[in-house]
PDB file of N, CA and C in Angstrom:
ATOM      1  N   MET A   1      23.862  20.325  -5.141  1.00  0.00           N
ATOM      2  CA  MET A   1      24.361  20.968  -3.928  1.00  0.00           C
ATOM      3  C   MET A   1      24.097  20.187  -2.737  1.00  0.00           C
ATOM      4  N   LYS A   2      24.992  20.114  -1.834  1.00  0.00           N
ATOM      5  CA  LYS A   2      24.791  19.308  -0.682  1.00  0.00           C
ATOM      6  C   LYS A   2      24.129  20.160   0.411  1.00  0.00           C
ATOM      7  N   LEU A   3      23.457  19.581   1.389  1.00  0.00           N
ATOM      8  CA  LEU A   3      22.729  20.323   2.384  1.00  0.00           C
ATOM      9  C   LEU A   3      23.723  21.085   3.196  1.00  0.00           C
ATOM     10  N   SER A   4      24.937  20.587   3.516  1.00  0.00           N
ATOM     11  CA  SER A   4      25.952  21.353   4.371  1.00  0.00           C
ATOM     12  C   SER A   4      26.368  22.558   3.639  1.00  0.00           C
ATOM     13  N   GLU A   5      26.461  22.543   2.306  1.00  0.00           N
ATOM     14  CA  GLU A   5      26.906  23.705   1.565  1.00  0.00           C
ATOM     15  C   GLU A   5      25.760  24.741   1.555  1.00  0.00           C
ATOM     16  N   LEU A   6      24.538  24.334   1.338  1.00  0.00           N
ATOM     17  CA  LEU A   6      23.450  25.199   1.487  1.00  0.00           C
ATOM     18  C   LEU A   6      23.231  25.852   2.867  1.00  0.00           C
ATOM     19  N   TYR A   7      23.489  25.078   3.978  1.00  0.00           N
ATOM     20  CA  TYR A   7      23.467  25.534   5.219  1.00  0.00           C
ATOM     21  C   TYR A   7      24.516  26.733   5.509  1.00  0.00           C
ATOM     22  N   ARG A   8      25.775  26.378   5.002  1.00  0.00           N
ATOM     23  CA  ARG A   8      26.846  27.360   5.147  1.00  0.00           C
ATOM     24  C   ARG A   8      26.501  28.659   4.450  1.00  0.00           C
ATOM     25  N   ILE A   9      25.951  28.536   3.318  1.00  0.00           N
ATOM     26  CA  ILE A   9      25.660  29.792   2.539  1.00  0.00           C
ATOM     27  C   ILE A   9      24.601  30.555   3.233  1.00  0.00           C
ATOM     28  N   LEU A  10      23.520  29.814   3.689  1.00  0.00           N
ATOM     29  CA  LEU A  10      22.376  30.440   4.300  1.00  0.00           C
ATOM     30  C   LEU A  10      22.823  31.118   5.622  1.00  0.00           C
ATOM     31  N   THR A  11      23.628  30.436   6.347  1.00  0.00           N
ATOM     32  CA  THR A  11      24.115  31.020   7.631  1.00  0.00           C
ATOM     33  C   THR A  11      24.887  32.312   7.355  1.00  0.00           C
ATOM     34  N   GLN A  12      25.847  32.331   6.312  1.00  0.00           N
ATOM     35  CA  GLN A  12      26.632  33.517   5.962  1.00  0.00           C
ATOM     36  C   GLN A  12      25.683  34.606   5.427  1.00  0.00           C
ATOM     37  N   THR A  13      24.579  34.300   4.773  1.00  0.00           N
ATOM     38  CA  THR A  13      23.702  35.211   4.205  1.00  0.00           C
ATOM     39  C   THR A  13      22.806  35.761   5.386  1.00  0.00           C
ATOM     40  N   MET A  14      22.478  35.018   6.341  1.00  0.00           N
ATOM     41  CA  MET A  14      21.671  35.473   7.409  1.00  0.00           C
ATOM     42  C   MET A  14      22.434  36.551   8.288  1.00  0.00           C
ATOM     43  N   LEU A  15      23.758  36.316   8.389  1.00  0.00           N
ATOM     44  CA  LEU A  15      24.588  37.268   9.155  1.00  0.00           C
ATOM     45  C   LEU A  15      24.684  38.655   8.386  1.00  0.00           C
ATOM     46  N   GLN A  16      24.480  38.635   7.143  1.00  0.00           N
ATOM     47  CA  GLN A  16      24.603  39.818   6.283  1.00  0.00           C
ATOM     48  C   GLN A  16      23.281  40.445   5.933  1.00  0.00           C
ATOM     49  N   SER A  17      22.167  39.793   6.351  1.00  0.00           N
ATOM     50  CA  SER A  17      20.895  40.299   5.866  1.00  0.00           C
ATOM     51  C   SER A  17      19.992  40.719   7.094  1.00  0.00           C
ATOM     52  N   PRO A  18      19.148  41.639   6.884  1.00  0.00           N
ATOM     53  CA  PRO A  18      18.273  42.095   8.003  1.00  0.00           C
ATOM     54  C   PRO A  18      17.147  40.999   8.202  1.00  0.00           C
ATOM     55  N   PRO A  19      16.592  40.937   9.379  1.00  0.00           N
ATOM     56  CA  PRO A  19      15.601  39.960   9.724  1.00  0.00           C
ATOM     57  C   PRO A  19      14.398  40.117   8.752  1.00  0.00           C
ATOM     58  N   GLY A  20      13.710  39.083   8.396  1.00  0.00           N
ATOM     59  CA  GLY A  20      12.576  39.246   7.510  1.00  0.00           C
ATOM     60  C   GLY A  20      12.883  39.344   5.996  1.00  0.00           C
ATOM     61  N   THR A  21      14.110  39.104   5.717  1.00  0.00           N
ATOM     62  CA  THR A  21      14.529  39.140   4.262  1.00  0.00           C
ATOM     63  C   THR A  21      13.764  37.986   3.440  1.00  0.00           C
ATOM     64  N   GLU A  22      13.113  38.402   2.384  1.00  0.00           N
ATOM     65  CA  GLU A  22      12.319  37.511   1.539  1.00  0.00           C
ATOM     66  C   GLU A  22      13.275  36.554   0.761  1.00  0.00           C
ATOM     67  N   VAL A  23      12.889  35.315   0.594  1.00  0.00           N
ATOM     68  CA  VAL A  23      13.635  34.383  -0.234  1.00  0.00           C
ATOM     69  C   VAL A  23      12.808  34.156  -1.555  1.00  0.00           C
ATOM     70  N   LEU A  24      13.506  34.401  -2.660  1.00  0.00           N
ATOM     71  CA  LEU A  24      12.961  34.173  -3.990  1.00  0.00           C
ATOM     72  C   LEU A  24      13.736  33.211  -4.765  1.00  0.00           C
ATOM     73  N   LEU A  25      13.172  32.510  -5.778  1.00  0.00           N
ATOM     74  CA  LEU A  25      13.737  31.656  -6.748  1.00  0.00           C
ATOM     75  C   LEU A  25      13.623  32.256  -8.126  1.00  0.00           C
ATOM     76  N   HIS A  26      14.687  32.212  -8.838  1.00  0.00           N
ATOM     77  CA  HIS A  26      14.691  32.746 -10.144  1.00  0.00           C
ATOM     78  C   HIS A  26      15.593  31.955 -11.067  1.00  0.00           C
ATOM     79  N   TYR A  27      15.163  31.643 -12.261  1.00  0.00           N
ATOM     80  CA  TYR A  27      15.854  30.912 -13.309  1.00  0.00           C
ATOM     81  C   TYR A  27      17.026  31.682 -13.706  1.00  0.00           C
ATOM     82  N   GLU A  28      18.335  31.223 -13.480  1.00  0.00           N
ATOM     83  CA  GLU A  28      19.580  31.966 -13.718  1.00  0.00           C
ATOM     84  C   GLU A  28      19.664  32.461 -15.054  1.00  0.00           C
ATOM     85  N   GLN A  29      19.460  31.627 -16.089  1.00  0.00           N
ATOM     86  CA  GLN A  29      19.678  32.000 -17.460  1.00  0.00           C
ATOM     87  C   GLN A  29      18.801  33.136 -17.797  1.00  0.00           C
ATOM     88  N   SER A  30      17.458  33.145 -17.487  1.00  0.00           N
ATOM     89  CA  SER A  30      16.543  34.271 -17.703  1.00  0.00           C
ATOM     90  C   SER A  30      17.098  35.481 -17.041  1.00  0.00           C
ATOM     91  N   ALA A  31      17.553  35.416 -15.824  1.00  0.00           N
ATOM     92  CA  ALA A  31      17.979  36.591 -15.158  1.00  0.00           C
ATOM     93  C   ALA A  31      19.185  37.186 -15.912  1.00  0.00           C
ATOM     94  N   MET A  32      20.079  36.363 -16.400  1.00  0.00           N
ATOM     95  CA  MET A  32      21.264  36.914 -17.033  1.00  0.00           C
ATOM     96  C   MET A  32      20.911  37.506 -18.364  1.00  0.00           C
ATOM     97  N   GLU A  33      20.008  36.878 -19.157  1.00  0.00           N
ATOM     98  CA  GLU A  33      19.661  37.286 -20.436  1.00  0.00           C
ATOM     99  C   GLU A  33      18.623  38.505 -20.492  1.00  0.00           C
ATOM    100  N   ASP A  34      17.567  38.379 -19.575  1.00  0.00           N
ATOM    101  CA  ASP A  34      16.562  39.391 -19.560  1.00  0.00           C
ATOM    102  C   ASP A  34      16.649  40.338 -18.372  1.00  0.00           C
ATOM    103  N   GLY A  35      17.506  40.063 -17.451  1.00  0.00           N
ATOM    104  CA  GLY A  35      17.625  40.913 -16.230  1.00  0.00           C
ATOM    105  C   GLY A  35      16.709  40.422 -15.150  1.00  0.00           C
ATOM    106  N   PHE A  36      17.081  40.583 -13.965  1.00  0.00           N
ATOM    107  CA  PHE A  36      16.250  40.101 -12.840  1.00  0.00           C
ATOM    108  C   PHE A  36      15.098  41.003 -12.579  1.00  0.00           C
ATOM    109  N   SER A  37      13.939  40.420 -12.401  1.00  0.00           N
ATOM    110  CA  SER A  37      12.730  41.039 -12.066  1.00  0.00           C
ATOM    111  C   SER A  37      11.903  40.229 -11.022  1.00  0.00           C
ATOM    112  N   GLU A  38      11.561  40.905  -9.937  1.00  0.00           N
ATOM    113  CA  GLU A  38      10.806  40.194  -8.930  1.00  0.00           C
ATOM    114  C   GLU A  38       9.510  39.635  -9.395  1.00  0.00           C
ATOM    115  N   THR A  39       8.945  40.265 -10.445  1.00  0.00           N
ATOM    116  CA  THR A  39       7.555  39.778 -10.959  1.00  0.00           C
ATOM    117  C   THR A  39       7.813  38.424 -11.627  1.00  0.00           C
ATOM    118  N   THR A  40       8.965  38.159 -12.119  1.00  0.00           N
ATOM    119  CA  THR A  40       9.136  36.833 -12.783  1.00  0.00           C
ATOM    120  C   THR A  40       9.969  35.782 -11.890  1.00  0.00           C
ATOM    121  N   SER A  41      10.006  36.177 -10.618  1.00  0.00           N
ATOM    122  CA  SER A  41      10.669  35.173  -9.681  1.00  0.00           C
ATOM    123  C   SER A  41       9.607  34.234  -9.196  1.00  0.00           C
ATOM    124  N   GLU A  42      10.124  33.295  -8.523  1.00  0.00           N
ATOM    125  CA  GLU A  42       9.191  32.246  -7.924  1.00  0.00           C
ATOM    126  C   GLU A  42       9.247  32.207  -6.512  1.00  0.00           C
ATOM    127  N   GLY A  43       8.309  31.732  -5.773  1.00  0.00           N
ATOM    128  CA  GLY A  43       8.294  31.593  -4.327  1.00  0.00           C
ATOM    129  C   GLY A  43       8.365  30.182  -3.983  1.00  0.00           C
ATOM    130  N   ILE A  44       8.853  29.890  -2.704  1.00  0.00           N
ATOM    131  CA  ILE A  44       8.990  28.540  -2.291  1.00  0.00           C
ATOM    132  C   ILE A  44       7.612  28.128  -1.764  1.00  0.00           C
ATOM    133  N   SER A  45       7.065  26.944  -2.232  1.00  0.00           N
ATOM    134  CA  SER A  45       5.777  26.437  -1.852  1.00  0.00           C
ATOM    135  C   SER A  45       5.920  25.340  -0.840  1.00  0.00           C
ATOM    136  N   ASP A  46       7.049  24.654  -0.785  1.00  0.00           N
ATOM    137  CA  ASP A  46       7.157  23.489   0.140  1.00  0.00           C
ATOM    138  C   ASP A  46       8.663  23.100   0.231  1.00  0.00           C
ATOM    139  N   ILE A  47       8.988  22.567   1.339  1.00  0.00           N
ATOM    140  CA  ILE A  47      10.342  21.943   1.455  1.00  0.00           C
ATOM    141  C   ILE A  47      10.102  20.601   2.113  1.00  0.00           C
ATOM    142  N   ARG A  48      10.637  19.559   1.506  1.00  0.00           N
ATOM    143  CA  ARG A  48      10.439  18.129   1.951  1.00  0.00           C
ATOM    144  C   ARG A  48      11.746  17.384   1.984  1.00  0.00           C
ATOM    145  N   LEU A  49      11.800  16.502   3.036  1.00  0.00           N
ATOM    146  CA  LEU A  49      12.975  15.596   3.195  1.00  0.00           C
ATOM    147  C   LEU A  49      12.405  14.247   2.594  1.00  0.00           C
ATOM    148  N   MET A  50      12.928  13.843   1.571  1.00  0.00           N
ATOM    149  CA  MET A  50      12.345  12.658   0.823  1.00  0.00           C
ATOM    150  C   MET A  50      13.451  11.563   0.683  1.00  0.00           C
ATOM    151  N   ASN A  51      12.899  10.329   0.676  1.00  0.00           N
ATOM    152  CA  ASN A  51      13.801   9.175   0.319  1.00  0.00           C
ATOM    153  C   ASN A  51      14.132   9.262  -1.178  1.00  0.00           C
ATOM    154  N   ASP A  52      15.366   8.861  -1.509  1.00  0.00           N
ATOM    155  CA  ASP A  52      15.839   8.930  -2.838  1.00  0.00           C
ATOM    156  C   ASP A  52      15.339   7.552  -3.568  1.00  0.00           C
ATOM    157  N   TRP A  53      14.015   7.529  -3.720  1.00  0.00           N
ATOM    158  CA  TRP A  53      13.439   6.351  -4.366  1.00  0.00           C
ATOM    159  C   TRP A  53      12.172   6.703  -4.973  1.00  0.00           C
ATOM    160  N   PRO A  54      11.822   6.232  -6.191  1.00  0.00           N
ATOM    161  CA  PRO A  54      10.695   6.674  -6.799  1.00  0.00           C
ATOM    162  C   PRO A  54       9.302   6.172  -6.196  1.00  0.00           C
ATOM    163  N   LEU A  55       9.375   5.081  -5.357  1.00  0.00           N
ATOM    164  CA  LEU A  55       8.108   4.595  -4.740  1.00  0.00           C
ATOM    165  C   LEU A  55       8.112   4.903  -3.336  1.00  0.00           C
ATOM    166  N   PRO A  56       6.882   5.322  -2.946  1.00  0.00           N
ATOM    167  CA  PRO A  56       6.779   5.696  -1.388  1.00  0.00           C
ATOM    168  C   PRO A  56       6.747   4.471  -0.506  1.00  0.00           C
ATOM    169  N   GLY A  57       7.043   4.555   0.688  1.00  0.00           N
ATOM    170  CA  GLY A  57       6.933   3.454   1.643  1.00  0.00           C
ATOM    171  C   GLY A  57       8.118   2.559   1.638  1.00  0.00           C
ATOM    172  N   ASP A  58       8.095   1.463   2.482  1.00  0.00           N
ATOM    173  CA  ASP A  58       9.185   0.451   2.516  1.00  0.00           C
ATOM    174  C   ASP A  58       8.768  -0.774   1.959  1.00  0.00           C
ATOM    175  N   SER A  59       9.605  -1.477   1.327  1.00  0.00           N
ATOM    176  CA  SER A  59       9.269  -2.810   0.669  1.00  0.00           C
ATOM    177  C   SER A  59       9.105  -3.815   1.770  1.00  0.00           C
ATOM    178  N   MET A  60       8.080  -4.652   1.654  1.00  0.00           N
ATOM    179  CA  MET A  60       7.839  -5.787   2.556  1.00  0.00           C
ATOM    180  C   MET A  60       8.484  -7.035   2.068  1.00  0.00           C
ATOM    181  N   VAL A  61       9.023  -6.997   0.826  1.00  0.00           N
ATOM    182  CA  VAL A  61       9.642  -8.169   0.256  1.00  0.00           C
ATOM    183  C   VAL A  61      11.269  -8.008   0.148  1.00  0.00           C
ATOM    184  N   ASN A  62      11.582  -6.957  -0.218  1.00  0.00           N
ATOM    185  CA  ASN A  62      13.006  -6.758  -0.435  1.00  0.00           C
ATOM    186  C   ASN A  62      13.651  -5.884   0.675  1.00  0.00           C
ATOM    187  N   ASN A  63      14.869  -6.307   1.134  1.00  0.00           N
ATOM    188  CA  ASN A  63      15.543  -5.431   2.043  1.00  0.00           C
ATOM    189  C   ASN A  63      16.260  -4.391   1.304  1.00  0.00           C
ATOM    190  N   GLU A  64      15.797  -3.181   1.330  1.00  0.00           N
ATOM    191  CA  GLU A  64      16.390  -2.109   0.512  1.00  0.00           C
ATOM    192  C   GLU A  64      17.573  -1.381   1.360  1.00  0.00           C
ATOM    193  N   GLY A  65      17.725  -1.722   2.623  1.00  0.00           N
ATOM    194  CA  GLY A  65      18.750  -1.150   3.371  1.00  0.00           C
ATOM    195  C   GLY A  65      18.437   0.387   3.684  1.00  0.00           C
ATOM    196  N   THR A  66      19.406   1.078   4.026  1.00  0.00           N
ATOM    197  CA  THR A  66      19.179   2.474   4.255  1.00  0.00           C
ATOM    198  C   THR A  66      19.225   3.195   2.964  1.00  0.00           C
ATOM    199  N   ARG A  67      18.261   4.056   2.671  1.00  0.00           N
ATOM    200  CA  ARG A  67      18.288   4.810   1.545  1.00  0.00           C
ATOM    201  C   ARG A  67      18.568   6.213   1.764  1.00  0.00           C
ATOM    202  N   PRO A  68      19.428   6.841   0.916  1.00  0.00           N
ATOM    203  CA  PRO A  68      19.735   8.189   1.127  1.00  0.00           C
ATOM    204  C   PRO A  68      18.537   9.113   0.964  1.00  0.00           C
ATOM    205  N   LYS A  69      18.494  10.196   1.686  1.00  0.00           N
ATOM    206  CA  LYS A  69      17.445  11.157   1.548  1.00  0.00           C
ATOM    207  C   LYS A  69      17.914  12.330   0.807  1.00  0.00           C
ATOM    208  N   LYS A  70      17.012  13.196   0.289  1.00  0.00           N
ATOM    209  CA  LYS A  70      17.248  14.333  -0.385  1.00  0.00           C
ATOM    210  C   LYS A  70      16.351  15.398   0.122  1.00  0.00           C
ATOM    211  N   LEU A  71      16.811  16.677   0.333  1.00  0.00           N
ATOM    212  CA  LEU A  71      16.119  17.729   0.633  1.00  0.00           C
ATOM    213  C   LEU A  71      15.502  18.332  -0.680  1.00  0.00           C
ATOM    214  N   VAL A  72      14.201  18.451  -0.885  1.00  0.00           N
ATOM    215  CA  VAL A  72      13.696  18.921  -2.102  1.00  0.00           C
ATOM    216  C   VAL A  72      12.844  20.259  -1.881  1.00  0.00           C
ATOM    217  N   ILE A  73      13.268  21.281  -2.575  1.00  0.00           N
ATOM    218  CA  ILE A  73      12.608  22.595  -2.478  1.00  0.00           C
ATOM    219  C   ILE A  73      11.620  22.690  -3.601  1.00  0.00           C
ATOM    220  N   PHE A  74      10.344  22.767  -3.324  1.00  0.00           N
ATOM    221  CA  PHE A  74       9.364  22.952  -4.364  1.00  0.00           C
ATOM    222  C   PHE A  74       9.131  24.451  -4.555  1.00  0.00           C
ATOM    223  N   TYR A  75       8.740  24.901  -5.779  1.00  0.00           N
ATOM    224  CA  TYR A  75       8.312  26.315  -5.916  1.00  0.00           C
ATOM    225  C   TYR A  75       7.228  26.411  -6.875  1.00  0.00           C
ATOM    226  N   ASP A  76       6.621  27.564  -6.802  1.00  0.00           N
ATOM    227  CA  ASP A  76       5.459  27.901  -7.615  1.00  0.00           C
ATOM    228  C   ASP A  76       5.519  29.339  -7.857  1.00  0.00           C
ATOM    229  N   ASN A  77       4.759  29.835  -8.937  1.00  0.00           N
ATOM    230  CA  ASN A  77       4.805  31.306  -9.140  1.00  0.00           C
ATOM    231  C   ASN A  77       4.089  32.037  -7.992  1.00  0.00           C
ATOM    232  N   HIS A  78       4.516  33.247  -7.866  1.00  0.00           N
ATOM    233  CA  HIS A  78       3.945  33.995  -6.783  1.00  0.00           C
ATOM    234  C   HIS A  78       2.366  34.150  -6.831  1.00  0.00           C
ATOM    235  N   PHE A  79       1.856  34.209  -8.069  1.00  0.00           N
ATOM    236  CA  PHE A  79       0.380  34.394  -8.245  1.00  0.00           C
ATOM    237  C   PHE A  79      -0.338  33.127  -7.611  1.00  0.00           C
ATOM    238  N   ASN A  80       0.201  31.946  -7.827  1.00  0.00           N
ATOM    239  CA  ASN A  80      -0.411  30.718  -7.247  1.00  0.00           C
ATOM    240  C   ASN A  80      -0.257  30.636  -5.810  1.00  0.00           C
ATOM    241  N   LEU A  81       0.911  31.085  -5.311  1.00  0.00           N
ATOM    242  CA  LEU A  81       1.174  31.057  -3.854  1.00  0.00           C
ATOM    243  C   LEU A  81       0.251  31.988  -3.150  1.00  0.00           C
ATOM    244  N   ASP A  82       0.173  33.231  -3.655  1.00  0.00           N
ATOM    245  CA  ASP A  82      -0.598  34.408  -2.990  1.00  0.00           C
ATOM    246  C   ASP A  82      -2.061  34.001  -3.145  1.00  0.00           C
ATOM    247  N   SER A  83      -2.542  33.395  -4.210  1.00  0.00           N
ATOM    248  CA  SER A  83      -3.985  33.152  -4.354  1.00  0.00           C
ATOM    249  C   SER A  83      -4.419  31.958  -3.547  1.00  0.00           C
ATOM    250  N   SER A  84      -3.503  31.166  -3.057  1.00  0.00           N
ATOM    251  CA  SER A  84      -3.920  29.965  -2.291  1.00  0.00           C
ATOM    252  C   SER A  84      -4.188  30.386  -0.843  1.00  0.00           C
ATOM    253  N   ILE A  85      -3.815  31.593  -0.473  1.00  0.00           N
ATOM    254  CA  ILE A  85      -3.963  32.059   0.919  1.00  0.00           C
ATOM    255  C   ILE A  85      -5.449  32.434   1.127  1.00  0.00           C
ATOM    256  N   GLU A  86      -5.989  31.893   2.169  1.00  0.00           N
ATOM    257  CA  GLU A  86      -7.471  32.228   2.411  1.00  0.00           C
ATOM    258  C   GLU A  86      -7.439  33.578   3.117  1.00  0.00           C
ATOM    259  N   PRO A  87      -8.449  34.402   2.714  1.00  0.00           N
ATOM    260  CA  PRO A  87      -8.488  35.802   3.328  1.00  0.00           C
ATOM    261  C   PRO A  87      -8.864  35.722   4.811  1.00  0.00           C
TER     262      PRO A  87
END
């Protein structure tokens, strides 16, 4: 999925949703086979804009030119996300 497509979908969804709507991640095949359950959904733990390259940083030897970036959405189960919050 391209960022522009995600933006279009999110913009359309925001116009149709009340403020404060929660965002959940769920494995599609599991939802189709077993039915959707919020208890088996996942929460977003981080969103990062990353270089499309396996090594961090810039090479001091090779000119790598401009490297495409990817928006990466990380997720974790709700138990881990909720338990990481300090009281």
